[in-house]
Amino acid sequence: MGAATNTPTTAVLLTPQQYASLMAIVEKVEALEARIKSLETNGRRPAQLDPILTVEETAKRLGKSTKTIYRRIAEQKIKTVSTDGKSYGIRESEINKYLER
């Protein structure tokens, strides 16, 4: 036990069902804490984010016109990802692949 404090405590009576629910929550929290600790100490770094750029941002990054970028997309030389079901973007990793060609 920790050091005694001068903080007043209040006893709360729980029904068996409330106690069981509380203990289930405590077990879940402890399991999550253990999982977090294992993720922090397993030596792996978290995956880096792969930003998604617009066609305009991609064109600027590559020093090309948006028309050229749309052409490269149509030729399947640059792959796209759907951003909201209607629009699409280009992952930064895809731009890097394109530059390596």
Protein backbone atom coordinates (compact mmCIF):
# COMPACT_ATOMS: atom_id res chain seq x y z
CA MET A 1 0.00 0.00 0.00
CA GLY A 2 1.02 3.57 -0.59
CA ALA A 3 1.69 6.18 2.04
CA ALA A 4 -1.21 7.27 4.20
CA THR A 5 -2.89 10.49 3.18
CA ASN A 6 -5.15 12.90 4.95
CA THR A 7 -7.75 12.63 2.20
CA PRO A 8 -11.10 11.51 3.56
CA THR A 9 -12.53 8.37 2.00
CA THR A 10 -16.10 7.39 1.45
CA ALA A 11 -17.29 3.80 1.39
CA VAL A 12 -19.70 2.86 -1.36
CA LEU A 13 -21.83 -0.24 -1.26
CA LEU A 14 -22.19 -2.05 -4.56
CA THR A 15 -24.61 -4.73 -5.56
CA PRO A 16 -23.02 -7.98 -6.74
CA GLN A 17 -23.93 -7.04 -10.32
CA GLN A 18 -22.34 -3.58 -9.99
CA TYR A 19 -19.23 -5.13 -8.46
CA ALA A 20 -18.96 -7.67 -11.29
CA SER A 21 -19.34 -4.89 -13.87
CA LEU A 22 -16.70 -2.78 -12.15
CA MET A 23 -14.27 -5.70 -11.98
CA ALA A 24 -14.81 -6.44 -15.69
CA ILE A 25 -13.91 -2.83 -16.48
CA VAL A 26 -10.82 -3.01 -14.27
CA GLU A 27 -9.68 -6.19 -16.06
CA LYS A 28 -10.14 -4.52 -19.47
CA VAL A 29 -8.16 -1.46 -18.36
CA GLU A 30 -5.36 -3.67 -17.04
CA ALA A 31 -5.28 -5.64 -20.30
CA LEU A 32 -5.11 -2.40 -22.29
CA GLU A 33 -2.30 -1.09 -20.09
CA ALA A 34 -0.36 -4.31 -20.63
CA ARG A 35 -0.91 -4.09 -24.39
CA ILE A 36 0.24 -0.47 -24.49
CA LYS A 37 3.35 -1.36 -22.50
CA SER A 38 4.18 -4.23 -24.85
CA LEU A 39 3.80 -1.96 -27.87
CA GLU A 40 6.05 0.65 -26.27
CA THR A 41 8.78 -1.84 -25.41
CA ASN A 42 8.86 -4.24 -28.35
CA GLY A 43 11.51 -2.18 -30.13
CA ARG A 44 9.42 -1.48 -33.21
CA ARG A 45 8.72 2.01 -34.35
CA PRO A 46 5.17 2.91 -35.30
CA ALA A 47 4.40 2.94 -38.99
CA GLN A 48 5.04 6.29 -40.55
CA LEU A 49 2.07 8.07 -42.01
CA ASP A 50 1.82 8.21 -45.79
CA PRO A 51 0.24 11.58 -46.56
CA ILE A 52 -2.24 11.84 -49.41
CA LEU A 53 -1.77 14.77 -51.76
CA THR A 54 -4.21 16.34 -54.19
CA VAL A 55 -3.54 16.38 -57.92
CA GLU A 56 -2.62 20.05 -57.58
CA GLU A 57 -0.16 19.35 -54.76
CA THR A 58 1.32 16.46 -56.73
CA ALA A 59 1.75 18.64 -59.82
CA LYS A 60 3.51 21.30 -57.78
CA ARG A 61 5.76 18.73 -56.09
CA LEU A 62 6.73 17.21 -59.45
CA GLY A 63 7.02 20.52 -61.28
CA LYS A 64 4.36 19.41 -63.77
CA SER A 65 0.95 20.69 -64.81
CA THR A 66 -2.22 19.16 -63.40
CA LYS A 67 -3.03 18.08 -66.97
CA THR A 68 0.18 16.03 -67.03
CA ILE A 69 -0.65 14.45 -63.67
CA TYR A 70 -4.15 13.51 -64.88
CA ARG A 71 -2.55 12.01 -68.00
CA ARG A 72 -0.10 9.96 -65.88
CA ILE A 73 -3.03 8.76 -63.77
CA ALA A 74 -4.97 7.73 -66.90
CA GLU A 75 -1.86 5.91 -68.16
CA GLN A 76 -1.69 4.19 -64.74
CA LYS A 77 1.82 5.51 -64.20
CA ILE A 78 0.63 7.15 -60.98
CA LYS A 79 -1.75 5.20 -58.74
CA THR A 80 -4.48 6.98 -56.79
CA VAL A 81 -6.53 6.28 -53.68
CA SER A 82 -10.13 7.25 -52.99
CA THR A 83 -10.42 9.91 -50.32
CA ASP A 84 -14.17 10.26 -49.89
CA GLY A 85 -15.79 8.00 -52.48
CA LYS A 86 -15.93 10.78 -55.08
CA SER A 87 -12.49 12.33 -54.97
CA TYR A 88 -9.07 10.79 -55.04
CA GLY A 89 -5.56 11.65 -54.04
CA ILE A 90 -2.05 10.40 -54.50
CA ARG A 91 -0.03 8.89 -51.67
CA GLU A 92 3.37 10.47 -51.08
CA SER A 93 4.96 7.03 -51.40
CA GLU A 94 3.44 6.73 -54.88
CA ILE A 95 5.00 10.05 -55.87
CA ASN A 96 8.35 8.80 -54.61
CA LYS A 97 7.97 5.61 -56.70
CA TYR A 98 7.16 7.71 -59.74
CA LEU A 99 10.28 9.82 -59.18
CA GLU A 100 12.46 6.70 -58.93
CA ARG A 101 11.45 5.49 -62.40
